[in-house]
N, C-alpha and C. Protein backbone atom coordinates (compact mmCIF):
# COMPACT_ATOMS: atom_id res chain seq x y z
N ILE A 1 102.23 71.08 101.28
CA ILE A 1 103.73 70.73 101.05
C ILE A 1 104.39 70.69 99.88
N THR A 2 105.41 71.32 99.57
CA THR A 2 105.93 71.49 98.27
C THR A 2 107.29 70.78 98.00
N ASP A 3 107.77 70.71 96.73
CA ASP A 3 109.25 70.09 96.22
C ASP A 3 110.12 71.14 96.72
N TYR A 4 110.00 72.19 96.37
CA TYR A 4 110.65 73.64 96.51
C TYR A 4 111.67 73.80 97.73
N ASP A 5 112.94 73.98 97.76
CA ASP A 5 113.54 74.27 98.75
C ASP A 5 113.28 75.76 99.64
N LEU A 6 112.92 76.58 99.04
CA LEU A 6 112.48 77.50 99.78
C LEU A 6 111.28 78.29 98.86
N THR A 7 110.29 78.53 99.60
CA THR A 7 109.20 78.68 99.05
C THR A 7 108.23 80.13 99.60
N SER A 8 107.48 80.65 98.65
CA SER A 8 106.71 81.87 99.11
C SER A 8 105.25 81.26 99.28
N SER A 9 104.40 81.78 99.83
CA SER A 9 103.43 80.99 99.78
C SER A 9 101.96 81.95 100.48
N MET A 10 100.83 81.85 99.96
CA MET A 10 99.83 82.43 100.33
C MET A 10 98.74 81.57 100.30
N THR A 11 97.14 82.18 100.96
CA THR A 11 96.39 81.16 101.46
C THR A 11 95.52 81.82 100.99
N ALA A 12 94.37 81.54 100.18
CA ALA A 12 93.06 81.94 99.87
C ALA A 12 91.98 81.05 100.47
N VAL A 13 90.77 81.68 100.73
CA VAL A 13 89.71 81.33 101.14
C VAL A 13 88.41 81.99 100.11
N ILE A 14 88.11 80.70 99.25
CA ILE A 14 87.39 81.12 98.13
C ILE A 14 86.03 80.44 97.89
N GLN A 15 84.77 81.27 97.72
CA GLN A 15 83.48 80.90 97.40
C GLN A 15 83.41 81.02 96.03
N VAL A 16 82.90 79.82 95.44
CA VAL A 16 82.44 79.73 93.94
C VAL A 16 80.88 79.94 94.07
N ASP A 17 80.54 81.12 93.01
CA ASP A 17 79.11 81.52 93.25
C ASP A 17 79.11 81.50 91.67
N LEU A 18 78.98 80.79 90.79
CA LEU A 18 78.67 80.89 89.35
C LEU A 18 77.40 81.75 89.13
N SER A 19 76.41 81.89 89.77
CA SER A 19 75.58 83.10 89.66
C SER A 19 76.05 84.18 89.30
N LEU A 20 76.92 84.63 89.90
CA LEU A 20 77.45 85.94 89.56
C LEU A 20 78.06 86.22 88.62
N SER A 21 78.44 85.01 87.76
CA SER A 21 78.71 85.29 86.29
C SER A 21 78.07 84.86 85.21
N PHE A 22 76.81 84.35 85.49
CA PHE A 22 76.17 83.35 84.28
C PHE A 22 74.62 83.86 84.85
N ALA A 23 73.43 84.12 84.20
CA ALA A 23 72.31 84.13 84.09
C ALA A 23 71.90 83.00 84.85
N GLU A 24 70.91 83.16 85.92
CA GLU A 24 70.47 81.83 86.46
C GLU A 24 69.90 80.81 85.81
N GLU A 25 69.27 81.49 84.88
CA GLU A 25 68.22 80.48 83.76
C GLU A 25 69.46 79.72 83.03
N GLN A 26 70.71 80.26 82.89
CA GLN A 26 71.77 79.41 82.04
C GLN A 26 71.90 78.47 82.93
N LEU A 27 72.38 78.88 84.32
CA LEU A 27 72.50 77.45 85.18
C LEU A 27 71.43 76.74 85.41
N GLN A 28 70.42 76.97 85.52
CA GLN A 28 69.23 76.20 85.52
C GLN A 28 69.20 75.07 84.30
N ALA A 29 69.35 75.95 83.32
CA ALA A 29 68.98 74.96 81.71
C ALA A 29 70.05 74.16 81.77
N ALA A 30 71.31 74.22 82.15
CA ALA A 30 72.52 73.41 82.10
C ALA A 30 72.52 72.48 83.51
N LYS A 31 71.49 72.37 84.28
CA LYS A 31 71.23 71.70 85.71
C LYS A 31 72.57 71.67 86.61
N TYR A 32 73.13 72.93 86.56
CA TYR A 32 74.21 73.10 87.38
C TYR A 32 73.98 72.75 88.70
N GLN A 33 74.79 71.79 89.36
CA GLN A 33 74.91 71.64 90.85
C GLN A 33 76.27 71.44 91.61
N PRO A 34 76.65 72.19 92.51
CA PRO A 34 77.95 71.90 92.93
C PRO A 34 78.04 70.41 93.00
N SER A 35 79.15 69.97 92.94
CA SER A 35 79.14 68.43 93.26
C SER A 35 80.65 68.22 94.20
N VAL A 36 80.83 66.91 94.45
CA VAL A 36 81.89 66.61 95.55
C VAL A 36 83.06 66.25 94.37
N ASP A 37 82.83 66.14 93.07
CA ASP A 37 83.57 65.92 91.98
C ASP A 37 84.26 67.35 91.51
N ASP A 38 83.62 68.09 91.87
CA ASP A 38 84.30 69.73 91.22
C ASP A 38 85.73 69.75 92.16
N MET A 39 86.41 70.57 91.20
CA MET A 39 87.75 71.00 91.87
C MET A 39 88.10 72.48 91.58
N LEU A 40 88.68 73.02 92.31
CA LEU A 40 89.21 74.39 92.19
C LEU A 40 91.00 74.35 92.67
N ALA A 41 91.55 75.17 91.29
CA ALA A 41 93.13 75.02 91.71
C ALA A 41 93.61 76.77 91.17
N VAL A 42 94.99 77.00 91.81
CA VAL A 42 95.45 78.27 91.52
C VAL A 42 96.69 77.85 90.28
N PHE A 43 96.61 78.93 89.27
CA PHE A 43 97.37 78.87 88.42
C PHE A 43 98.37 79.94 88.16
N ALA A 44 99.70 80.05 87.64
CA ALA A 44 100.44 81.04 87.24
C ALA A 44 101.08 80.41 86.29
N ASP A 45 101.01 81.06 84.65
CA ASP A 45 101.69 80.62 84.00
C ASP A 45 101.65 79.43 83.22
N ASN A 46 100.41 78.79 83.47
CA ASN A 46 100.03 77.54 83.25
C ASN A 46 100.58 76.46 84.32
N LYS A 47 101.20 76.99 85.33
CA LYS A 47 101.54 75.99 86.60
C LYS A 47 100.75 76.03 87.53
N CYS A 48 100.25 74.83 87.97
CA CYS A 48 99.34 74.80 89.14
C CYS A 48 100.20 75.07 90.20
N LEU A 49 99.67 75.96 91.30
CA LEU A 49 100.64 76.61 92.46
C LEU A 49 99.65 75.98 93.68
N GLY A 50 98.50 75.46 93.68
CA GLY A 50 97.57 74.97 94.45
C GLY A 50 96.52 74.26 94.46
N VAL A 51 95.65 73.29 94.70
CA VAL A 51 94.80 72.61 94.79
C VAL A 51 93.82 72.92 95.91
N GLY A 52 92.55 73.23 95.67
CA GLY A 52 91.83 73.81 96.72
C GLY A 52 90.99 72.58 97.38
N THR A 53 90.67 72.50 98.54
CA THR A 53 89.95 71.60 99.58
C THR A 53 88.49 72.45 100.13
N LYS A 54 87.62 71.66 99.73
CA LYS A 54 86.15 72.13 99.94
C LYS A 54 85.70 71.76 101.38
N LYS A 55 85.39 72.78 102.18
CA LYS A 55 84.82 72.69 103.55
C LYS A 55 83.68 73.50 103.50
N GLY A 56 82.30 72.77 103.56
CA GLY A 56 80.90 73.52 103.63
C GLY A 56 80.86 74.24 102.09
N ALA A 57 80.83 75.56 102.48
CA ALA A 57 80.34 76.13 101.14
C ALA A 57 81.75 77.18 100.61
N VAL A 58 83.02 76.61 101.14
CA VAL A 58 84.20 77.31 100.95
C VAL A 58 85.19 76.75 100.49
N TRP A 59 86.21 76.95 99.64
CA TRP A 59 87.53 76.29 99.25
C TRP A 59 88.52 77.10 99.96
N TYR A 60 89.42 76.25 100.57
CA TYR A 60 90.42 76.84 101.11
C TYR A 60 91.82 76.29 100.12
N VAL A 61 92.67 77.20 100.05
CA VAL A 61 93.96 76.87 98.97
C VAL A 61 95.05 77.19 99.46
N TYR A 62 95.99 76.30 99.83
CA TYR A 62 97.43 76.92 99.91
C TYR A 62 98.32 77.12 98.68
N ILE A 63 98.58 78.18 98.57
CA ILE A 63 99.22 78.16 97.29
C ILE A 63 101.06 78.43 97.74
N ALA A 64 101.71 77.95 96.81
CA ALA A 64 103.24 77.96 96.90
C ALA A 64 103.77 77.98 95.82
N SER A 65 104.88 78.89 95.75
CA SER A 65 105.83 79.05 94.41
C SER A 65 107.37 79.09 94.99
N PRO A 66 108.23 78.63 94.21
CA PRO A 66 109.53 78.96 94.63
C PRO A 66 109.93 80.29 95.02
N ILE A 67 110.60 80.46 95.80
CA ILE A 67 111.00 81.79 96.40
C ILE A 67 111.59 82.67 94.98
N ASP A 68 112.28 82.09 94.38
CA ASP A 68 113.09 82.83 92.93
C ASP A 68 112.26 83.11 92.05
N LYS A 69 110.78 82.32 91.94
CA LYS A 69 110.11 82.54 90.71
C LYS A 69 108.68 82.64 91.21
N THR A 70 108.52 84.00 92.24
CA THR A 70 106.90 84.05 92.75
C THR A 70 106.28 85.02 91.74
N PRO A 71 105.37 84.55 91.53
CA PRO A 71 104.44 85.30 90.37
C PRO A 71 103.82 86.49 90.63
N SER A 72 103.39 87.49 89.84
CA SER A 72 103.04 88.59 90.36
C SER A 72 101.26 88.49 90.62
N ASN A 73 100.95 87.59 89.64
CA ASN A 73 99.42 87.39 89.90
C ASN A 73 99.08 85.74 89.73
N VAL A 74 97.98 85.46 90.24
CA VAL A 74 97.56 84.04 89.68
C VAL A 74 95.96 84.03 89.36
N THR A 75 95.48 82.91 88.79
CA THR A 75 94.42 82.82 88.39
C THR A 75 93.81 81.61 88.72
N LEU A 76 92.29 81.53 88.99
CA LEU A 76 91.71 80.24 89.35
C LEU A 76 91.08 79.49 88.29
N ARG A 77 90.96 78.34 88.42
CA ARG A 77 90.33 77.55 87.56
C ARG A 77 89.64 76.50 88.38
N TYR A 78 88.17 76.76 87.86
CA TYR A 78 87.31 75.72 88.71
C TYR A 78 86.53 75.00 87.80
N TYR A 79 86.63 73.56 88.03
CA TYR A 79 86.03 72.38 86.98
C TYR A 79 84.87 72.02 87.68
N SER A 80 83.60 72.36 87.13
CA SER A 80 82.51 71.91 87.44
C SER A 80 82.00 70.36 86.88
N ALA A 81 81.83 69.38 87.64
CA ALA A 81 81.48 67.99 87.09
C ALA A 81 80.26 68.03 86.69
N THR A 82 79.09 68.83 87.23
CA THR A 82 77.95 68.67 86.51
C THR A 82 77.82 68.97 84.94
N LEU A 83 78.76 70.45 84.90
CA LEU A 83 78.55 71.15 83.71
C LEU A 83 79.77 70.32 82.54
N LYS A 84 80.89 69.81 83.33
CA LYS A 84 81.81 69.06 82.60
C LYS A 84 82.62 70.14 81.78
N ASN A 85 82.75 71.34 82.37
CA ASN A 85 83.54 72.58 81.91
C ASN A 85 84.43 73.33 82.89
N ILE A 86 85.38 73.68 82.57
CA ILE A 86 86.38 74.54 83.41
C ILE A 86 86.20 75.89 83.16
N PHE A 87 86.02 76.56 84.39
CA PHE A 87 85.74 78.30 84.29
C PHE A 87 87.05 78.82 85.04
N VAL A 88 87.34 79.97 84.28
CA VAL A 88 88.76 80.96 84.85
C VAL A 88 88.26 82.02 85.49
N SER A 89 88.78 82.76 86.46
CA SER A 89 88.75 83.75 87.17
C SER A 89 88.95 84.59 86.08
N LYS A 90 87.97 85.59 86.15
CA LYS A 90 88.04 86.75 85.25
C LYS A 90 89.18 87.68 85.37
N GLU A 91 89.31 88.03 86.76
CA GLU A 91 90.27 89.06 87.19
C GLU A 91 91.51 88.17 87.52
N LEU A 92 92.69 88.89 87.22
CA LEU A 92 93.99 88.48 87.94
C LEU A 92 93.68 88.45 89.65
N ILE A 93 94.25 87.65 90.30
CA ILE A 93 94.78 87.66 91.76
C ILE A 93 96.27 87.98 92.01
N PRO A 94 96.32 89.43 92.30
CA PRO A 94 97.76 89.78 93.05
C PRO A 94 98.37 88.69 94.18
N TYR A 95 99.38 88.05 93.72
CA TYR A 95 100.27 87.13 94.77
C TYR A 95 101.10 87.77 95.80
N LYS A 96 100.81 87.95 96.90
CA LYS A 96 101.47 88.59 98.02
C LYS A 96 101.87 87.39 98.92
N ASN A 97 103.23 87.23 98.94
CA ASN A 97 103.62 86.40 99.96
C ASN A 97 103.56 86.45 101.31
N ASP A 98 103.12 85.38 101.98
CA ASP A 98 102.65 85.22 103.25
C ASP A 98 101.16 86.22 103.83
N THR A 99 100.63 86.24 102.67
CA THR A 99 99.16 86.86 102.95
C THR A 99 97.95 85.74 102.92
N GLN A 100 96.86 86.31 103.38
CA GLN A 100 95.87 85.51 103.03
C GLN A 100 94.58 86.31 102.28
N LEU A 101 94.01 85.61 101.46
CA LEU A 101 93.05 86.46 100.51
C LEU A 101 91.51 85.67 100.89
N GLY A 102 90.72 86.45 101.24
CA GLY A 102 89.24 85.96 102.03
C GLY A 102 89.63 85.20 103.38
N THR A 103 88.37 85.11 104.03
CA THR A 103 88.37 84.64 105.03
C THR A 103 87.09 83.61 105.21
N THR A 104 87.01 82.53 106.32
CA THR A 104 85.92 81.95 106.08
C THR A 104 84.58 82.69 106.53
N ASP A 105 84.57 83.63 107.10
CA ASP A 105 83.29 84.61 107.33
C ASP A 105 83.00 85.64 105.95
N ALA A 106 84.26 85.88 105.28
CA ALA A 106 84.17 86.67 103.97
C ALA A 106 85.33 86.11 103.17
N PRO A 107 84.69 85.19 102.22
CA PRO A 107 85.59 84.45 101.55
C PRO A 107 85.58 85.26 100.35
N HIS A 108 86.72 85.40 99.28
CA HIS A 108 86.95 86.21 98.16
C HIS A 108 85.86 85.16 97.28
N THR A 109 85.17 85.99 96.69
CA THR A 109 84.40 85.41 95.59
C THR A 109 84.39 86.12 94.26
N PRO A 110 85.35 85.60 93.49
CA PRO A 110 85.65 85.99 92.06
C PRO A 110 84.16 85.61 91.22
N THR A 111 84.73 86.51 89.94
CA THR A 111 83.65 86.06 88.80
C THR A 111 84.49 85.24 87.95
N PHE A 112 83.60 84.15 87.22
CA PHE A 112 84.32 83.37 86.18
C PHE A 112 83.83 83.61 84.97
N ILE A 113 84.76 83.17 83.90
CA ILE A 113 84.34 83.20 82.49
C ILE A 113 84.72 81.77 82.09
N ILE A 114 83.98 80.91 81.30
CA ILE A 114 84.36 79.78 80.64
C ILE A 114 85.61 79.51 79.71
N ASP A 115 86.42 78.70 80.15
CA ASP A 115 87.95 78.33 79.79
C ASP A 115 87.72 77.92 78.33
N LYS A 116 88.13 78.66 77.43
CA LYS A 116 88.19 78.22 75.81
C LYS A 116 89.41 77.62 75.31
């Protein structure tokens, strides 16, 4: 649900796997564990366009933007409660109105870097 009169929207199904971005030894040393307090959100130009809901191993995100300010690309930001850090998707994700990125059976699995 949005506050916009006319929206463009996109749905994303995301799997967060920090082992794709960081060595397993780094994650074990940091005692990384997914937590119910973790969060995933989608941003464009530092504006939040959607917050994810985790179901099982994947996150579902409804992304909405005013129709007259539709972004070209978005980024993901993942907060790990156990690591107390924010991670940003390494690649930009093209924003395409009325589309879906990933599926439950084949979620999009981005690589992340530590947000500085």
